[in-house]
């Protein structure tokens, strides 16, 4: 439905200057077994999906200078992590249903033991996510061993629906449908999902058009115009399910609120955790670059996570109270040379 009827989701990408740009390498799921290819050999006007995942502590097979040639002949599927194998399966469904032939997985498409390759690919992250057909998110997986799909108990009904018919209750103005669910459980599995706590995911979420999020026991869909899940065909404000979409439009309109978008991004980012606190600026560098390109002002110097056109307002940030679950002991602080003390990037803490 999104591809057919959502005008915003299917408009020209905001990264229009690079809209035909593909990642350097892609995984071709049409091949058996899937294999790593250079994007220069991909089909014209190709589409691809990206994976968003937590690396975690479990060892995973990655692309290195030693296995690069072998991966180009075919990926050793049995040696891949469960999350990567599941992603290949989802990729094959996307190929069948939407003609999306390729997938991109960071650790299988960037040479992990090559600093030059990382330095070449890292600046392209905003384009990689911004030009993807969709993002496949392993939201509840702490590492590659967990996979996308979780076991389900078919005997347990998480949501109960009661339909009240007017023939029995004629005083009702129209048929009434009542939904009963454990709202606290919903909020918990969304807010506390491992991927949603990862700092780098904020940038990924801001730049992708569509996201297919795999939670424990639930798959959720998010795009520019709709939030939905297996349980709810449309997630509405009345359900009070948190809307964590960062609606950076695929084509800019006159009513786009630059100020509110960046403030929302900073608030969401401050709730996350970085494995390496010194990455605090790098982890949003891609979306900052994209954002700065389209600011309708000449006064748009980027100042360590803040903007010159809005600096007076943005300097009014404050941290959460000491002792909360977002305290500094849990999150760590960047080195003193990462950002000046007046910047939101000088400290890893919940801000408002």
C-alpha atoms as a PDB file:
ATOM      1  CA  UNK A   1       0.000   0.000   0.000  1.00  0.00           C
ATOM      2  CA  UNK A   2       2.807   2.429   0.869  1.00  0.00           C
ATOM      3  CA  UNK A   3       4.419   2.020  -2.546  1.00  0.00           C
ATOM      4  CA  UNK A   4       1.099   2.494  -4.357  1.00  0.00           C
ATOM      5  CA  UNK A   5      -0.703   5.194  -2.400  1.00  0.00           C
ATOM      6  CA  UNK A   6       1.684   7.194  -0.187  1.00  0.00           C
ATOM      7  CA  UNK A   7       2.689  10.293  -2.111  1.00  0.00           C
ATOM      8  CA  UNK A   8       5.219  11.492   0.474  1.00  0.00           C
ATOM      9  CA  UNK A   9       6.951   8.112   0.772  1.00  0.00           C
ATOM     10  CA  UNK A  10       7.317   7.831  -2.998  1.00  0.00           C
ATOM     11  CA  UNK A  11       8.404  11.382  -3.774  1.00  0.00           C
ATOM     12  CA  UNK A  12      11.931  12.161  -4.911  1.00  0.00           C
ATOM     13  CA  UNK A  13      14.408  11.389  -2.123  1.00  0.00           C
ATOM     14  CA  UNK A  14      15.672  14.306  -0.117  1.00  0.00           C
ATOM     15  CA  UNK A  15      19.173  13.234  -1.101  1.00  0.00           C
ATOM     16  CA  UNK A  16      18.208  13.865  -4.717  1.00  0.00           C
ATOM     17  CA  UNK A  17      21.743  14.837  -5.692  1.00  0.00           C
ATOM     18  CA  UNK A  18      22.748  11.262  -4.919  1.00  0.00           C
ATOM     19  CA  UNK A  19      19.443   9.524  -5.594  1.00  0.00           C
ATOM     20  CA  UNK A  20      21.081   7.155  -8.078  1.00  0.00           C
ATOM     21  CA  UNK A  21      23.979   6.486  -5.752  1.00  0.00           C
ATOM     22  CA  UNK A  22      24.270   2.916  -4.462  1.00  0.00           C
ATOM     23  CA  UNK A  23      26.505   1.623  -1.673  1.00  0.00           C
ATOM     24  CA  UNK A  24      29.869   0.369  -2.941  1.00  0.00           C
ATOM     25  CA  UNK A  25      28.875  -3.242  -2.258  1.00  0.00           C
ATOM     26  CA  UNK A  26      25.536  -5.030  -2.063  1.00  0.00           C
ATOM     27  CA  UNK A  27      24.331  -8.570  -1.420  1.00  0.00           C
ATOM     28  CA  UNK A  28      22.445 -10.057  -4.366  1.00  0.00           C
ATOM     29  CA  UNK A  29      19.690 -12.266  -2.911  1.00  0.00           C
ATOM     30  CA  UNK A  30      18.564 -13.406  -6.358  1.00  0.00           C
ATOM     31  CA  UNK A  31      21.689 -15.547  -6.583  1.00  0.00           C
ATOM     32  CA  UNK A  32      21.854 -18.946  -4.922  1.00  0.00           C
ATOM     33  CA  UNK A  33      23.688 -18.671  -2.648  1.00  0.00           C
ATOM     34  CA  UNK A  34      23.459 -14.895  -2.269  1.00  0.00           C
ATOM     35  CA  UNK A  35      26.738 -13.218  -3.109  1.00  0.00           C
ATOM     36  CA  UNK A  36      28.531  -9.943  -2.535  1.00  0.00           C
ATOM     37  CA  UNK A  37      28.729  -7.729  -5.619  1.00  0.00           C
ATOM     38  CA  UNK A  38      30.089  -4.326  -6.518  1.00  0.00           C
ATOM     39  CA  UNK A  39      27.194  -1.952  -7.085  1.00  0.00           C
ATOM     40  CA  UNK A  40      28.740  -0.966 -10.418  1.00  0.00           C
ATOM     41  CA  UNK A  41      27.625  -4.388 -11.686  1.00  0.00           C
ATOM     42  CA  UNK A  42      24.081  -4.130 -10.255  1.00  0.00           C
ATOM     43  CA  UNK A  43      21.012  -3.884 -12.458  1.00  0.00           C
ATOM     44  CA  UNK A  44      20.133  -0.321 -13.552  1.00  0.00           C
ATOM     45  CA  UNK A  45      17.651   1.514 -11.286  1.00  0.00           C
ATOM     46  CA  UNK A  46      18.147  -1.140  -8.621  1.00  0.00           C
ATOM     47  CA  UNK A  47      16.475  -1.070  -5.209  1.00  0.00           C
ATOM     48  CA  UNK A  48      17.966  -2.391  -1.992  1.00  0.00           C
ATOM     49  CA  UNK A  49      17.014  -2.811   1.659  1.00  0.00           C
ATOM     50  CA  UNK A  50      19.292  -2.101   4.623  1.00  0.00           C
ATOM     51  CA  UNK A  51      19.615  -3.918   7.946  1.00  0.00           C
ATOM     52  CA  UNK A  52      19.666  -2.070  11.259  1.00  0.00           C
ATOM     53  CA  UNK A  53      20.918  -4.292  14.086  1.00  0.00           C
ATOM     54  CA  UNK A  54      22.884  -4.528  17.323  1.00  0.00           C
ATOM     55  CA  UNK A  55      26.307  -6.091  16.961  1.00  0.00           C
ATOM     56  CA  UNK A  56      26.365  -7.203  20.595  1.00  0.00           C
ATOM     57  CA  UNK A  57      28.988  -9.475  22.088  1.00  0.00           C
ATOM     58  CA  UNK A  58      28.283 -12.677  20.164  1.00  0.00           C
ATOM     59  CA  UNK A  59      30.945 -13.297  17.486  1.00  0.00           C
ATOM     60  CA  UNK A  60      29.695 -12.877  13.917  1.00  0.00           C
ATOM     61  CA  UNK A  61      31.181 -13.529  10.507  1.00  0.00           C
ATOM     62  CA  UNK A  62      32.180 -10.241   8.871  1.00  0.00           C
ATOM     63  CA  UNK A  63      33.737  -9.118   5.596  1.00  0.00           C
ATOM     64  CA  UNK A  64      37.537  -8.947   5.713  1.00  0.00           C
ATOM     65  CA  UNK A  65      40.347  -8.618   3.200  1.00  0.00           C
ATOM     66  CA  UNK A  66      40.886 -12.390   3.497  1.00  0.00           C
ATOM     67  CA  UNK A  67      37.348 -13.512   2.644  1.00  0.00           C
ATOM     68  CA  UNK A  68      36.401 -10.723   0.206  1.00  0.00           C
ATOM     69  CA  UNK A  69      36.995 -12.855  -2.874  1.00  0.00           C
ATOM     70  CA  UNK A  70      35.143 -15.840  -1.389  1.00  0.00           C
ATOM     71  CA  UNK A  71      32.112 -13.667  -0.510  1.00  0.00           C
ATOM     72  CA  UNK A  72      32.000 -12.503  -4.125  1.00  0.00           C
ATOM     73  CA  UNK A  73      31.593 -16.131  -5.171  1.00  0.00           C
ATOM     74  CA  UNK A  74      28.839 -16.775  -2.628  1.00  0.00           C
ATOM     75  CA  UNK A  75      28.124 -16.123   1.045  1.00  0.00           C
ATOM     76  CA  UNK A  76      28.591 -19.097   3.406  1.00  0.00           C
ATOM     77  CA  UNK A  77      24.978 -18.975   4.606  1.00  0.00           C
ATOM     78  CA  UNK A  78      25.397 -21.606   7.321  1.00  0.00           C
ATOM     79  CA  UNK A  79      28.185 -19.531   8.903  1.00  0.00           C
ATOM     80  CA  UNK A  80      26.218 -16.291   9.013  1.00  0.00           C
ATOM     81  CA  UNK A  81      24.570 -15.126  12.218  1.00  0.00           C
ATOM     82  CA  UNK A  82      20.881 -15.946  12.652  1.00  0.00           C
ATOM     83  CA  UNK A  83      19.966 -12.286  12.181  1.00  0.00           C
ATOM     84  CA  UNK A  84      21.815 -12.173   8.862  1.00  0.00           C
ATOM     85  CA  UNK A  85      20.233 -15.433   7.670  1.00  0.00           C
ATOM     86  CA  UNK A  86      16.776 -14.124   8.573  1.00  0.00           C
ATOM     87  CA  UNK A  87      17.545 -10.875   6.751  1.00  0.00           C
ATOM     88  CA  UNK A  88      18.427 -12.821   3.610  1.00  0.00           C
ATOM     89  CA  UNK A  89      15.047 -14.593   3.894  1.00  0.00           C
ATOM     90  CA  UNK A  90      13.235 -11.259   4.242  1.00  0.00           C
ATOM     91  CA  UNK A  91      15.259  -9.971   1.298  1.00  0.00           C
ATOM     92  CA  UNK A  92      13.986 -12.833  -0.850  1.00  0.00           C
ATOM     93  CA  UNK A  93      10.404 -11.891   0.072  1.00  0.00           C
ATOM     94  CA  UNK A  94      11.111  -8.294  -0.918  1.00  0.00           C
ATOM     95  CA  UNK A  95      12.531  -9.546  -4.213  1.00  0.00           C
ATOM     96  CA  UNK A  96       9.421 -11.621  -4.867  1.00  0.00           C
ATOM     97  CA  UNK A  97       6.864  -8.987  -3.851  1.00  0.00           C
ATOM     98  CA  UNK A  98       8.574  -5.671  -4.679  1.00  0.00           C
ATOM     99  CA  UNK A  99      11.462  -6.547  -7.004  1.00  0.00           C
ATOM    100  CA  UNK A 100      14.005  -5.403  -4.395  1.00  0.00           C
ATOM    101  CA  UNK A 101      16.948  -7.538  -5.427  1.00  0.00           C
ATOM    102  CA  UNK A 102      19.680  -6.406  -3.042  1.00  0.00           C
ATOM    103  CA  UNK A 103      20.312  -5.969   0.679  1.00  0.00           C
ATOM    104  CA  UNK A 104      23.005  -4.033   2.501  1.00  0.00           C
ATOM    105  CA  UNK A 105      24.438  -5.183   5.842  1.00  0.00           C
ATOM    106  CA  UNK A 106      27.203  -3.026   7.284  1.00  0.00           C
ATOM    107  CA  UNK A 107      29.463  -5.819   8.537  1.00  0.00           C
ATOM    108  CA  UNK A 108      29.137  -7.824   5.306  1.00  0.00           C
ATOM    109  CA  UNK A 109      29.461  -4.897   2.885  1.00  0.00           C
ATOM    110  CA  UNK A 110      32.235  -2.838   4.515  1.00  0.00           C
ATOM    111  CA  UNK A 111      35.670  -4.465   4.879  1.00  0.00           C
ATOM    112  CA  UNK A 112      36.049  -4.584   8.642  1.00  0.00           C
ATOM    113  CA  UNK A 113      39.842  -4.864   8.798  1.00  0.00           C
ATOM    114  CA  UNK A 114      40.459  -2.076   6.274  1.00  0.00           C
ATOM    115  CA  UNK A 115      40.646   1.444   7.684  1.00  0.00           C
ATOM    116  CA  UNK A 116      40.702   3.010   4.178  1.00  0.00           C
ATOM    117  CA  UNK A 117      37.501   1.152   3.240  1.00  0.00           C
ATOM    118  CA  UNK A 118      35.773   2.272   6.439  1.00  0.00           C
ATOM    119  CA  UNK A 119      36.872   5.877   5.882  1.00  0.00           C
ATOM    120  CA  UNK A 120      35.539   5.687   2.326  1.00  0.00           C
ATOM    121  CA  UNK A 121      32.174   4.173   3.313  1.00  0.00           C
ATOM    122  CA  UNK A 122      31.399   5.993   6.584  1.00  0.00           C
ATOM    123  CA  UNK A 123      30.642   9.385   4.957  1.00  0.00           C
ATOM    124  CA  UNK A 124      28.111   7.652   2.674  1.00  0.00           C
ATOM    125  CA  UNK A 125      25.887   6.417   5.502  1.00  0.00           C
ATOM    126  CA  UNK A 126      23.278   9.135   5.012  1.00  0.00           C
ATOM    127  CA  UNK A 127      22.972   8.157   1.340  1.00  0.00           C
ATOM    128  CA  UNK A 128      22.975   4.421   2.089  1.00  0.00           C
ATOM    129  CA  UNK A 129      19.997   4.726   4.449  1.00  0.00           C
ATOM    130  CA  UNK A 130      18.303   7.618   2.652  1.00  0.00           C
ATOM    131  CA  UNK A 131      18.166   5.839  -0.704  1.00  0.00           C
ATOM    132  CA  UNK A 132      17.118   2.410   0.608  1.00  0.00           C
ATOM    133  CA  UNK A 133      13.709   1.000  -0.292  1.00  0.00           C
ATOM    134  CA  UNK A 134      13.239   0.110   3.372  1.00  0.00           C
ATOM    135  CA  UNK A 135      15.082  -0.620   6.586  1.00  0.00           C
ATOM    136  CA  UNK A 136      14.828  -4.097   8.120  1.00  0.00           C
ATOM    137  CA  UNK A 137      15.249  -3.592  11.874  1.00  0.00           C
ATOM    138  CA  UNK A 138      16.213  -6.398  14.262  1.00  0.00           C
ATOM    139  CA  UNK A 139      14.658  -4.337  17.048  1.00  0.00           C
ATOM    140  CA  UNK A 140      14.497  -6.897  19.867  1.00  0.00           C
ATOM    141  CA  UNK A 141      17.758  -8.716  19.132  1.00  0.00           C
ATOM    142  CA  UNK A 142      20.662  -7.960  21.451  1.00  0.00           C
ATOM    143  CA  UNK A 143      23.108  -9.557  19.025  1.00  0.00           C
ATOM    144  CA  UNK A 144      23.317 -11.600  15.833  1.00  0.00           C
ATOM    145  CA  UNK A 145      22.404 -14.878  17.526  1.00  0.00           C
ATOM    146  CA  UNK A 146      18.805 -13.807  18.229  1.00  0.00           C
ATOM    147  CA  UNK A 147      17.495 -13.324  14.685  1.00  0.00           C
ATOM    148  CA  UNK A 148      14.464 -11.412  13.462  1.00  0.00           C
ATOM    149  CA  UNK A 149      11.762 -13.942  14.306  1.00  0.00           C
ATOM    150  CA  UNK A 150      10.857 -14.942  17.851  1.00  0.00           C
ATOM    151  CA  UNK A 151       8.841 -17.977  19.024  1.00  0.00           C
ATOM    152  CA  UNK A 152       5.161 -17.307  19.693  1.00  0.00           C
ATOM    153  CA  UNK A 153       2.602 -18.997  21.916  1.00  0.00           C
ATOM    154  CA  UNK A 154      -0.528 -19.416  19.808  1.00  0.00           C
ATOM    155  CA  UNK A 155      -2.562 -20.095  22.979  1.00  0.00           C
ATOM    156  CA  UNK A 156      -1.924 -16.600  24.331  1.00  0.00           C
ATOM    157  CA  UNK A 157      -4.043 -13.750  23.007  1.00  0.00           C
ATOM    158  CA  UNK A 158      -2.194 -10.475  23.553  1.00  0.00           C
ATOM    159  CA  UNK A 159      -5.043  -8.274  22.312  1.00  0.00           C
ATOM    160  CA  UNK A 160      -8.778  -8.819  22.796  1.00  0.00           C
ATOM    161  CA  UNK A 161     -11.349  -7.100  20.589  1.00  0.00           C
ATOM    162  CA  UNK A 162     -15.018  -6.792  21.515  1.00  0.00           C
ATOM    163  CA  UNK A 163     -17.530  -5.669  18.888  1.00  0.00           C
ATOM    164  CA  UNK A 164     -20.830  -4.325  20.239  1.00  0.00           C
ATOM    165  CA  UNK A 165     -23.720  -4.586  17.794  1.00  0.00           C
ATOM    166  CA  UNK A 166     -26.433  -1.935  17.566  1.00  0.00           C
ATOM    167  CA  UNK A 167     -29.168  -4.572  17.256  1.00  0.00           C
ATOM    168  CA  UNK A 168     -28.570  -5.460  20.897  1.00  0.00           C
ATOM    169  CA  UNK A 169     -27.808  -1.931  22.080  1.00  0.00           C
ATOM    170  CA  UNK A 170     -29.941   0.337  19.854  1.00  0.00           C
ATOM    171  CA  UNK A 171     -29.063   3.469  21.814  1.00  0.00           C
ATOM    172  CA  UNK A 172     -25.520   3.357  20.439  1.00  0.00           C
ATOM    173  CA  UNK A 173     -24.992   5.939  17.666  1.00  0.00           C
ATOM    174  CA  UNK A 174     -22.939   3.444  15.654  1.00  0.00           C
ATOM    175  CA  UNK A 175     -21.278   0.033  16.065  1.00  0.00           C
ATOM    176  CA  UNK A 176     -18.626   0.122  18.765  1.00  0.00           C
ATOM    177  CA  UNK A 177     -15.354  -1.791  18.786  1.00  0.00           C
ATOM    178  CA  UNK A 178     -13.411  -2.046  22.033  1.00  0.00           C
ATOM    179  CA  UNK A 179      -9.760  -3.085  22.131  1.00  0.00           C
ATOM    180  CA  UNK A 180      -8.258  -4.471  25.340  1.00  0.00           C
ATOM    181  CA  UNK A 181      -4.496  -4.775  25.609  1.00  0.00           C
ATOM    182  CA  UNK A 182      -1.703  -4.548  28.138  1.00  0.00           C
ATOM    183  CA  UNK A 183      -0.553  -1.041  27.258  1.00  0.00           C
ATOM    184  CA  UNK A 184       2.373  -1.179  29.694  1.00  0.00           C
ATOM    185  CA  UNK A 185       3.705  -4.256  27.925  1.00  0.00           C
ATOM    186  CA  UNK A 186       3.450  -2.529  24.549  1.00  0.00           C
ATOM    187  CA  UNK A 187       5.264   0.533  25.831  1.00  0.00           C
ATOM    188  CA  UNK A 188       7.921  -1.606  27.468  1.00  0.00           C
ATOM    189  CA  UNK A 189       8.809  -3.709  24.457  1.00  0.00           C
ATOM    190  CA  UNK A 190       9.028  -0.620  22.249  1.00  0.00           C
ATOM    191  CA  UNK A 191      10.979   1.630  24.588  1.00  0.00           C
ATOM    192  CA  UNK A 192      13.270  -1.037  26.000  1.00  0.00           C
ATOM    193  CA  UNK A 193      13.964  -2.900  22.770  1.00  0.00           C
ATOM    194  CA  UNK A 194      17.767  -3.200  22.451  1.00  0.00           C
ATOM    195  CA  UNK A 195      17.972  -1.552  19.031  1.00  0.00           C
ATOM    196  CA  UNK A 196      15.888   1.435  20.149  1.00  0.00           C
ATOM    197  CA  UNK A 197      18.481   2.165  22.847  1.00  0.00           C
ATOM    198  CA  UNK A 198      21.375   2.254  20.372  1.00  0.00           C
ATOM    199  CA  UNK A 199      22.635   5.741  19.524  1.00  0.00           C
ATOM    200  CA  UNK A 200      23.387   5.072  15.867  1.00  0.00           C
ATOM    201  CA  UNK A 201      19.791   3.999  15.169  1.00  0.00           C
ATOM    202  CA  UNK A 202      18.463   7.573  15.537  1.00  0.00           C
ATOM    203  CA  UNK A 203      20.244   8.622  12.350  1.00  0.00           C
ATOM    204  CA  UNK A 204      19.125   5.470  10.550  1.00  0.00           C
ATOM    205  CA  UNK A 205      15.517   6.087  11.596  1.00  0.00           C
ATOM    206  CA  UNK A 206      15.610   9.705  10.452  1.00  0.00           C
ATOM    207  CA  UNK A 207      16.923   8.912   6.987  1.00  0.00           C
ATOM    208  CA  UNK A 208      14.991   5.818   5.889  1.00  0.00           C
ATOM    209  CA  UNK A 209      11.668   6.092   4.063  1.00  0.00           C
ATOM    210  CA  UNK A 210      10.204   2.896   5.493  1.00  0.00           C
ATOM    211  CA  UNK A 211      11.036   0.602   8.397  1.00  0.00           C
ATOM    212  CA  UNK A 212      10.006  -2.990   9.047  1.00  0.00           C
ATOM    213  CA  UNK A 213      10.672  -3.520  12.753  1.00  0.00           C
ATOM    214  CA  UNK A 214      10.862  -7.028  14.204  1.00  0.00           C
ATOM    215  CA  UNK A 215       9.965  -7.112  17.907  1.00  0.00           C
ATOM    216  CA  UNK A 216       9.430 -10.138  20.148  1.00  0.00           C
ATOM    217  CA  UNK A 217       6.019 -11.393  19.091  1.00  0.00           C
ATOM    218  CA  UNK A 218       5.155  -8.461  16.839  1.00  0.00           C
ATOM    219  CA  UNK A 219       6.162  -6.906  13.522  1.00  0.00           C
ATOM    220  CA  UNK A 220       5.666  -3.156  13.160  1.00  0.00           C
ATOM    221  CA  UNK A 221       5.615  -1.007  10.023  1.00  0.00           C
ATOM    222  CA  UNK A 222       6.580   2.653   9.955  1.00  0.00           C
ATOM    223  CA  UNK A 223       6.753   5.051   7.044  1.00  0.00           C
ATOM    224  CA  UNK A 224       6.280   8.767   6.481  1.00  0.00           C
ATOM    225  CA  UNK A 225       2.491   8.461   6.463  1.00  0.00           C
ATOM    226  CA  UNK A 226       1.569   5.467   8.611  1.00  0.00           C
ATOM    227  CA  UNK A 227       2.377   3.367  11.649  1.00  0.00           C
ATOM    228  CA  UNK A 228       0.905  -0.135  11.743  1.00  0.00           C
ATOM    229  CA  UNK A 229       1.544  -3.571  13.201  1.00  0.00           C
ATOM    230  CA  UNK A 230       0.256  -7.119  13.075  1.00  0.00           C
ATOM    231  CA  UNK A 231      -2.136  -6.231  15.878  1.00  0.00           C
ATOM    232  CA  UNK A 232      -3.249  -2.828  14.598  1.00  0.00           C
ATOM    233  CA  UNK A 233      -3.740  -1.964  10.941  1.00  0.00           C
ATOM    234  CA  UNK A 234      -3.202   1.647  11.964  1.00  0.00           C
ATOM    235  CA  UNK A 235      -1.621   2.841  15.205  1.00  0.00           C
ATOM    236  CA  UNK A 236      -3.530   5.948  16.236  1.00  0.00           C
ATOM    237  CA  UNK A 237      -2.783   8.543  18.870  1.00  0.00           C
ATOM    238  CA  UNK A 238      -5.578   7.223  21.102  1.00  0.00           C
ATOM    239  CA  UNK A 239      -3.599   4.034  21.699  1.00  0.00           C
ATOM    240  CA  UNK A 240      -0.792   6.166  23.149  1.00  0.00           C
ATOM    241  CA  UNK A 241       1.839   3.971  21.501  1.00  0.00           C
ATOM    242  CA  UNK A 242       4.945   6.177  21.239  1.00  0.00           C
ATOM    243  CA  UNK A 243       5.454   7.619  17.765  1.00  0.00           C
ATOM    244  CA  UNK A 244       9.244   7.631  17.498  1.00  0.00           C
ATOM    245  CA  UNK A 245       9.340   8.395  13.799  1.00  0.00           C
ATOM    246  CA  UNK A 246      11.642  11.239  12.809  1.00  0.00           C
ATOM    247  CA  UNK A 247       9.702  12.660   9.902  1.00  0.00           C
ATOM    248  CA  UNK A 248      12.486  14.130   7.795  1.00  0.00           C
ATOM    249  CA  UNK A 249      10.526  14.460   4.537  1.00  0.00           C
ATOM    250  CA  UNK A 250      11.706  12.842   1.334  1.00  0.00           C
ATOM    251  CA  UNK A 251      10.939  16.124  -0.427  1.00  0.00           C
ATOM    252  CA  UNK A 252      10.843  19.412   1.427  1.00  0.00           C
ATOM    253  CA  UNK A 253       7.656  21.404   1.813  1.00  0.00           C
ATOM    254  CA  UNK A 254       7.090  24.957   2.960  1.00  0.00           C
ATOM    255  CA  UNK A 255       5.577  23.847   6.275  1.00  0.00           C
ATOM    256  CA  UNK A 256       8.473  21.604   7.312  1.00  0.00           C
ATOM    257  CA  UNK A 257       9.543  22.698  10.798  1.00  0.00           C
ATOM    258  CA  UNK A 258      13.342  22.540  10.832  1.00  0.00           C
ATOM    259  CA  UNK A 259      13.536  23.717  14.441  1.00  0.00           C
ATOM    260  CA  UNK A 260      11.152  21.085  15.800  1.00  0.00           C
ATOM    261  CA  UNK A 261      12.747  18.286  13.768  1.00  0.00           C
ATOM    262  CA  UNK A 262      16.240  18.923  15.147  1.00  0.00           C
ATOM    263  CA  UNK A 263      14.999  19.392  18.714  1.00  0.00           C
ATOM    264  CA  UNK A 264      13.074  16.115  18.474  1.00  0.00           C
ATOM    265  CA  UNK A 265      16.178  14.384  17.130  1.00  0.00           C
ATOM    266  CA  UNK A 266      18.301  15.658  20.025  1.00  0.00           C
ATOM    267  CA  UNK A 267      15.713  14.568  22.607  1.00  0.00           C
ATOM    268  CA  UNK A 268      15.480  11.088  21.100  1.00  0.00           C
ATOM    269  CA  UNK A 269      19.248  10.828  20.712  1.00  0.00           C
ATOM    270  CA  UNK A 270      19.805  11.765  24.354  1.00  0.00           C
ATOM    271  CA  UNK A 271      17.766   8.707  25.425  1.00  0.00           C
ATOM    272  CA  UNK A 272      20.097   6.292  23.656  1.00  0.00           C
ATOM    273  CA  UNK A 273      23.433   4.733  24.542  1.00  0.00           C
ATOM    274  CA  UNK A 274      26.683   4.681  22.576  1.00  0.00           C
ATOM    275  CA  UNK A 275      29.161   1.857  23.041  1.00  0.00           C
ATOM    276  CA  UNK A 276      31.894   4.431  22.479  1.00  0.00           C
ATOM    277  CA  UNK A 277      30.846   7.801  24.001  1.00  0.00           C
ATOM    278  CA  UNK A 278      33.296   9.665  21.762  1.00  0.00           C
ATOM    279  CA  UNK A 279      31.079   8.707  18.781  1.00  0.00           C
ATOM    280  CA  UNK A 280      28.442  11.186  19.983  1.00  0.00           C
ATOM    281  CA  UNK A 281      28.955  13.547  17.023  1.00  0.00           C
ATOM    282  CA  UNK A 282      29.857  10.921  14.445  1.00  0.00           C
ATOM    283  CA  UNK A 283      26.654   8.930  15.054  1.00  0.00           C
ATOM    284  CA  UNK A 284      24.471  11.808  13.810  1.00  0.00           C
ATOM    285  CA  UNK A 285      26.934  13.308  11.313  1.00  0.00           C
ATOM    286  CA  UNK A 286      25.070  11.892   8.305  1.00  0.00           C
ATOM    287  CA  UNK A 287      21.687  13.338   9.191  1.00  0.00           C
ATOM    288  CA  UNK A 288      23.332  16.634  10.198  1.00  0.00           C
ATOM    289  CA  UNK A 289      24.958  16.859   6.775  1.00  0.00           C
ATOM    290  CA  UNK A 290      21.641  16.150   5.076  1.00  0.00           C
ATOM    291  CA  UNK A 291      19.796  18.587   7.335  1.00  0.00           C
ATOM    292  CA  UNK A 292      22.321  21.367   6.712  1.00  0.00           C
ATOM    293  CA  UNK A 293      22.061  20.993   2.945  1.00  0.00           C
ATOM    294  CA  UNK A 294      18.404  21.935   3.029  1.00  0.00           C
ATOM    295  CA  UNK A 295      18.278  24.617   5.706  1.00  0.00           C
ATOM    296  CA  UNK A 296      16.579  27.637   4.080  1.00  0.00           C
ATOM    297  CA  UNK A 297      19.075  30.110   5.545  1.00  0.00           C
ATOM    298  CA  UNK A 298      22.671  31.174   5.036  1.00  0.00           C
ATOM    299  CA  UNK A 299      23.212  31.211   8.795  1.00  0.00           C
ATOM    300  CA  UNK A 300      23.628  27.440   9.078  1.00  0.00           C
ATOM    301  CA  UNK A 301      26.987  26.683  10.639  1.00  0.00           C
ATOM    302  CA  UNK A 302      26.949  23.310  12.415  1.00  0.00           C
ATOM    303  CA  UNK A 303      28.348  23.718  15.917  1.00  0.00           C
ATOM    304  CA  UNK A 304      28.959  20.383  17.656  1.00  0.00           C
ATOM    305  CA  UNK A 305      25.375  19.130  17.443  1.00  0.00           C
ATOM    306  CA  UNK A 306      23.767  22.573  17.343  1.00  0.00           C
ATOM    307  CA  UNK A 307      23.027  25.153  14.639  1.00  0.00           C
ATOM    308  CA  UNK A 308      23.995  28.823  14.421  1.00  0.00           C
ATOM    309  CA  UNK A 309      20.541  29.882  13.196  1.00  0.00           C
ATOM    310  CA  UNK A 310      18.986  28.486  16.386  1.00  0.00           C
ATOM    311  CA  UNK A 311      21.909  28.697  18.805  1.00  0.00           C
ATOM    312  CA  UNK A 312      20.322  31.062  21.344  1.00  0.00           C
ATOM    313  CA  UNK A 313      17.389  28.680  21.841  1.00  0.00           C
ATOM    314  CA  UNK A 314      19.452  25.488  21.734  1.00  0.00           C
ATOM    315  CA  UNK A 315      21.785  26.743  24.452  1.00  0.00           C
ATOM    316  CA  UNK A 316      18.839  26.420  26.826  1.00  0.00           C
ATOM    317  CA  UNK A 317      19.233  22.641  27.143  1.00  0.00           C
ATOM    318  CA  UNK A 318      19.487  20.937  30.534  1.00  0.00           C
ATOM    319  CA  UNK A 319      20.258  17.401  31.678  1.00  0.00           C
ATOM    320  CA  UNK A 320      18.052  14.992  33.567  1.00  0.00           C
ATOM    321  CA  UNK A 321      18.308  14.849  37.348  1.00  0.00           C
ATOM    322  CA  UNK A 322      21.172  12.772  38.810  1.00  0.00           C
ATOM    323  CA  UNK A 323      20.267   9.263  39.844  1.00  0.00           C
ATOM    324  CA  UNK A 324      17.872   8.482  36.999  1.00  0.00           C
ATOM    325  CA  UNK A 325      18.323   5.373  34.867  1.00  0.00           C
ATOM    326  CA  UNK A 326      19.968   7.610  32.275  1.00  0.00           C
ATOM    327  CA  UNK A 327      22.701   8.656  34.685  1.00  0.00           C
ATOM    328  CA  UNK A 328      26.279   9.210  33.637  1.00  0.00           C
ATOM    329  CA  UNK A 329      27.607   6.019  35.207  1.00  0.00           C
ATOM    330  CA  UNK A 330      25.489   3.973  32.813  1.00  0.00           C
ATOM    331  CA  UNK A 331      26.095   6.068  29.727  1.00  0.00           C
ATOM    332  CA  UNK A 332      29.655   7.330  30.028  1.00  0.00           C
ATOM    333  CA  UNK A 333      30.861  10.752  28.896  1.00  0.00           C
ATOM    334  CA  UNK A 334      32.750  11.800  25.785  1.00  0.00           C
ATOM    335  CA  UNK A 335      36.333  12.993  26.086  1.00  0.00           C
ATOM    336  CA  UNK A 336      36.690  16.681  26.883  1.00  0.00           C
ATOM    337  CA  UNK A 337      38.033  17.425  23.406  1.00  0.00           C
ATOM    338  CA  UNK A 338      34.983  16.025  21.558  1.00  0.00           C
ATOM    339  CA  UNK A 339      32.758  19.086  22.037  1.00  0.00           C
ATOM    340  CA  UNK A 340      32.819  22.390  23.970  1.00  0.00           C
ATOM    341  CA  UNK A 341      31.176  22.385  27.386  1.00  0.00           C
ATOM    342  CA  UNK A 342      28.204  24.498  26.214  1.00  0.00           C
ATOM    343  CA  UNK A 343      27.212  21.924  23.583  1.00  0.00           C
ATOM    344  CA  UNK A 344      24.649  19.146  24.052  1.00  0.00           C
ATOM    345  CA  UNK A 345      27.368  16.838  22.703  1.00  0.00           C
ATOM    346  CA  UNK A 346      29.642  17.480  25.673  1.00  0.00           C
ATOM    347  CA  UNK A 347      27.697  15.056  27.832  1.00  0.00           C
ATOM    348  CA  UNK A 348      25.854  11.770  27.324  1.00  0.00           C
ATOM    349  CA  UNK A 349      22.691  12.394  29.296  1.00  0.00           C
ATOM    350  CA  UNK A 350      18.959  12.753  28.824  1.00  0.00           C
ATOM    351  CA  UNK A 351      18.214  16.361  27.879  1.00  0.00           C
ATOM    352  CA  UNK A 352      15.183  18.587  27.637  1.00  0.00           C
END
